[in-house]
């Protein structure tokens, strides 16, 4: 089975199945919904996001490039002044 087909099938799981429930908990972004999670749901959500963050740390070059891109985005949004120039 191709990866794209698998992802489509997993994404279509209903939340009333055990796997669908875990996928929904991991994907939740609404802070009010997350606050209402029970302790087990919070653990699932926290463990997933911790795993994703640690995965990013395994590739320091990519992380550095992503941070440079983020800095460039902020620079474009808020002007050409550097952070040190704004603190004067």
Protein backbone atom coordinates (compact mmCIF):
# COMPACT_ATOMS: atom_id res chain seq x y z
CA UNK A 1 0.00 0.00 0.00
CA UNK A 2 1.46 3.39 -0.93
CA UNK A 3 2.16 5.81 1.94
CA UNK A 4 -0.29 8.40 0.60
CA UNK A 5 -3.10 5.85 0.59
CA UNK A 6 -2.25 4.77 4.14
CA UNK A 7 -2.23 8.38 5.37
CA UNK A 8 -5.59 9.00 3.69
CA UNK A 9 -7.10 5.92 5.33
CA UNK A 10 -5.73 6.77 8.79
CA UNK A 11 -6.89 10.37 8.40
CA UNK A 12 -10.40 9.11 7.69
CA UNK A 13 -10.67 7.06 10.88
CA UNK A 14 -13.66 7.96 12.96
CA UNK A 15 -12.91 9.31 16.46
CA UNK A 16 -15.04 6.57 18.03
CA UNK A 17 -12.35 3.97 17.25
CA UNK A 18 -9.32 3.59 19.54
CA UNK A 19 -6.82 4.54 16.83
CA UNK A 20 -9.03 7.37 15.59
CA UNK A 21 -9.23 8.71 19.13
CA UNK A 22 -5.43 8.74 19.52
CA UNK A 23 -5.00 10.41 16.11
CA UNK A 24 -7.54 13.07 17.11
CA UNK A 25 -5.85 13.71 20.46
CA UNK A 26 -2.41 14.04 18.85
CA UNK A 27 -3.70 16.42 16.17
CA UNK A 28 -5.73 18.69 18.47
CA UNK A 29 -4.68 22.33 18.35
CA UNK A 30 -7.57 24.10 20.11
CA UNK A 31 -6.28 25.14 23.56
CA UNK A 32 -9.75 25.07 25.14
CA UNK A 33 -10.24 21.47 23.98
CA UNK A 34 -6.79 20.51 25.24
CA UNK A 35 -7.56 22.07 28.65
CA UNK A 36 -10.65 19.84 28.84
CA UNK A 37 -8.64 16.64 28.18
CA UNK A 38 -8.57 14.05 30.93
CA UNK A 39 -5.12 13.09 32.31
CA UNK A 40 -4.69 10.17 29.90
CA UNK A 41 -5.55 12.34 26.88
CA UNK A 42 -3.11 15.00 28.09
CA UNK A 43 -0.39 12.36 28.41
CA UNK A 44 -1.02 11.15 24.84
CA UNK A 45 -0.97 14.73 23.52
CA UNK A 46 2.14 15.71 25.51
CA UNK A 47 4.07 12.53 24.62
CA UNK A 48 3.35 13.02 20.92
CA UNK A 49 4.45 16.65 20.88
CA UNK A 50 7.54 15.85 22.97
CA UNK A 51 8.45 13.12 20.48
CA UNK A 52 8.01 15.53 17.57
CA UNK A 53 10.18 18.18 19.28
CA UNK A 54 12.95 15.66 20.03
CA UNK A 55 12.83 14.51 16.43
CA UNK A 56 13.54 18.07 15.29
CA UNK A 57 16.56 18.25 17.61
CA UNK A 58 18.05 15.18 15.90
CA UNK A 59 18.67 17.29 12.78
CA UNK A 60 20.56 20.39 14.01
CA UNK A 61 21.32 21.67 10.49
CA UNK A 62 17.64 21.60 9.52
CA UNK A 63 16.66 23.19 12.84
CA UNK A 64 19.21 25.96 12.31
CA UNK A 65 17.91 26.57 8.79
CA UNK A 66 14.31 26.67 10.09
CA UNK A 67 15.30 29.20 12.78
CA UNK A 68 17.08 31.35 10.17
CA UNK A 69 13.92 31.26 8.03
CA UNK A 70 11.82 32.22 11.04
CA UNK A 71 14.16 35.13 11.77
CA UNK A 72 13.91 36.29 8.17
CA UNK A 73 10.13 36.10 8.37
CA UNK A 74 10.07 38.27 11.52
CA UNK A 75 12.51 40.68 9.93
CA UNK A 76 10.23 41.01 6.91
CA UNK A 77 7.18 41.49 9.12
CA UNK A 78 8.61 44.00 11.58
CA UNK A 79 11.30 45.82 9.66
CA UNK A 80 15.00 45.61 9.05
CA UNK A 81 16.13 46.43 12.61
CA UNK A 82 17.90 43.59 14.36
CA UNK A 83 16.93 42.45 17.83
CA UNK A 84 19.99 44.11 19.41
CA UNK A 85 19.16 47.44 17.74
CA UNK A 86 15.62 47.38 19.18
CA UNK A 87 16.88 46.94 22.76
CA UNK A 88 18.75 50.27 22.83
